[in-house]
């Protein structure tokens, strides 16, 4: 199940991760601001939560890139 090499370069996975997380920071800060009404608290919540999630997503993405299940050969 884990014998296949990754389908994408590490730099591509990292670029995808950072782009996605930037979008999620904006959404998290907006929602936190809506609940708290405080810009500083909203930024803190958004940045800390997404810093942790960025590393988690990157590792998850790299793990799935090595699993051949559901991937057509030659792609």
C-alpha atoms as a PDB file:
ATOM      1  CA  UNK A   1       0.000   0.000   0.000  1.00  0.00           C
ATOM      2  CA  UNK A   2       2.885   2.452   0.699  1.00  0.00           C
ATOM      3  CA  UNK A   3       5.298   1.197  -1.969  1.00  0.00           C
ATOM      4  CA  UNK A   4       4.517   3.825  -4.573  1.00  0.00           C
ATOM      5  CA  UNK A   5       6.666   6.968  -4.850  1.00  0.00           C
ATOM      6  CA  UNK A   6       4.975  10.355  -4.351  1.00  0.00           C
ATOM      7  CA  UNK A   7       3.098  11.766  -7.360  1.00  0.00           C
ATOM      8  CA  UNK A   8       4.091  15.359  -6.743  1.00  0.00           C
ATOM      9  CA  UNK A   9       7.199  17.167  -5.641  1.00  0.00           C
ATOM     10  CA  UNK A  10       7.482  18.233  -2.032  1.00  0.00           C
ATOM     11  CA  UNK A  11       7.601  21.898  -3.144  1.00  0.00           C
ATOM     12  CA  UNK A  12       4.199  21.527  -4.845  1.00  0.00           C
ATOM     13  CA  UNK A  13       2.651  19.964  -1.746  1.00  0.00           C
ATOM     14  CA  UNK A  14       4.134  22.768   0.365  1.00  0.00           C
ATOM     15  CA  UNK A  15       2.807  25.476  -1.996  1.00  0.00           C
ATOM     16  CA  UNK A  16      -0.670  23.903  -1.917  1.00  0.00           C
ATOM     17  CA  UNK A  17      -0.527  23.669   1.858  1.00  0.00           C
ATOM     18  CA  UNK A  18       0.480  27.303   2.361  1.00  0.00           C
ATOM     19  CA  UNK A  19      -2.112  28.621  -0.119  1.00  0.00           C
ATOM     20  CA  UNK A  20      -4.877  26.627   1.514  1.00  0.00           C
ATOM     21  CA  UNK A  21      -3.833  27.623   5.020  1.00  0.00           C
ATOM     22  CA  UNK A  22      -3.708  31.330   4.067  1.00  0.00           C
ATOM     23  CA  UNK A  23      -7.326  31.058   2.962  1.00  0.00           C
ATOM     24  CA  UNK A  24      -8.240  29.241   6.169  1.00  0.00           C
ATOM     25  CA  UNK A  25      -6.545  31.938   8.304  1.00  0.00           C
ATOM     26  CA  UNK A  26      -8.716  34.594   6.686  1.00  0.00           C
ATOM     27  CA  UNK A  27     -11.867  32.549   7.288  1.00  0.00           C
ATOM     28  CA  UNK A  28     -10.944  31.669  10.886  1.00  0.00           C
ATOM     29  CA  UNK A  29     -10.081  35.288  11.756  1.00  0.00           C
ATOM     30  CA  UNK A  30     -13.349  36.496  10.224  1.00  0.00           C
ATOM     31  CA  UNK A  31     -15.414  33.973  12.178  1.00  0.00           C
ATOM     32  CA  UNK A  32     -13.489  34.651  15.410  1.00  0.00           C
ATOM     33  CA  UNK A  33     -14.017  38.396  14.948  1.00  0.00           C
ATOM     34  CA  UNK A  34     -17.710  37.828  14.388  1.00  0.00           C
ATOM     35  CA  UNK A  35     -17.912  35.978  17.719  1.00  0.00           C
ATOM     36  CA  UNK A  36     -15.529  38.122  19.794  1.00  0.00           C
ATOM     37  CA  UNK A  37     -15.796  41.552  18.207  1.00  0.00           C
ATOM     38  CA  UNK A  38     -12.103  41.994  19.063  1.00  0.00           C
ATOM     39  CA  UNK A  39      -9.515  42.239  16.290  1.00  0.00           C
ATOM     40  CA  UNK A  40      -6.571  41.192  18.483  1.00  0.00           C
ATOM     41  CA  UNK A  41      -8.314  38.122  19.832  1.00  0.00           C
ATOM     42  CA  UNK A  42      -9.553  37.159  16.383  1.00  0.00           C
ATOM     43  CA  UNK A  43      -6.022  37.393  14.935  1.00  0.00           C
ATOM     44  CA  UNK A  44      -4.583  35.362  17.800  1.00  0.00           C
ATOM     45  CA  UNK A  45      -7.197  32.636  17.399  1.00  0.00           C
ATOM     46  CA  UNK A  46      -6.781  32.551  13.628  1.00  0.00           C
ATOM     47  CA  UNK A  47      -2.993  32.462  13.626  1.00  0.00           C
ATOM     48  CA  UNK A  48      -2.441  29.918  16.408  1.00  0.00           C
ATOM     49  CA  UNK A  49      -5.140  27.512  15.221  1.00  0.00           C
ATOM     50  CA  UNK A  50      -3.916  27.620  11.646  1.00  0.00           C
ATOM     51  CA  UNK A  51      -0.246  27.296  12.498  1.00  0.00           C
ATOM     52  CA  UNK A  52      -0.992  23.934  14.099  1.00  0.00           C
ATOM     53  CA  UNK A  53      -3.299  22.912  11.270  1.00  0.00           C
ATOM     54  CA  UNK A  54      -0.719  23.797   8.593  1.00  0.00           C
ATOM     55  CA  UNK A  55       1.774  21.207   9.806  1.00  0.00           C
ATOM     56  CA  UNK A  56      -0.958  18.638  10.245  1.00  0.00           C
ATOM     57  CA  UNK A  57      -2.336  19.171   6.731  1.00  0.00           C
ATOM     58  CA  UNK A  58       1.097  19.022   5.117  1.00  0.00           C
ATOM     59  CA  UNK A  59       1.871  15.681   6.764  1.00  0.00           C
ATOM     60  CA  UNK A  60      -1.560  14.338   5.850  1.00  0.00           C
ATOM     61  CA  UNK A  61      -1.132  15.431   2.220  1.00  0.00           C
ATOM     62  CA  UNK A  62       2.294  13.781   1.975  1.00  0.00           C
ATOM     63  CA  UNK A  63       0.977  10.559   3.497  1.00  0.00           C
ATOM     64  CA  UNK A  64      -1.912  10.320   1.042  1.00  0.00           C
ATOM     65  CA  UNK A  65       0.424  11.061  -1.856  1.00  0.00           C
ATOM     66  CA  UNK A  66       2.159   7.746  -1.128  1.00  0.00           C
ATOM     67  CA  UNK A  67      -1.012   5.658  -1.086  1.00  0.00           C
ATOM     68  CA  UNK A  68      -1.838   4.142  -4.455  1.00  0.00           C
ATOM     69  CA  UNK A  69      -5.434   3.236  -3.612  1.00  0.00           C
ATOM     70  CA  UNK A  70      -7.876   5.022  -5.925  1.00  0.00           C
ATOM     71  CA  UNK A  71      -5.190   6.431  -8.236  1.00  0.00           C
ATOM     72  CA  UNK A  72      -5.110   5.448 -11.898  1.00  0.00           C
ATOM     73  CA  UNK A  73      -1.743   4.027 -13.023  1.00  0.00           C
ATOM     74  CA  UNK A  74       0.366   6.376 -15.094  1.00  0.00           C
ATOM     75  CA  UNK A  75      -1.002   9.586 -13.583  1.00  0.00           C
END
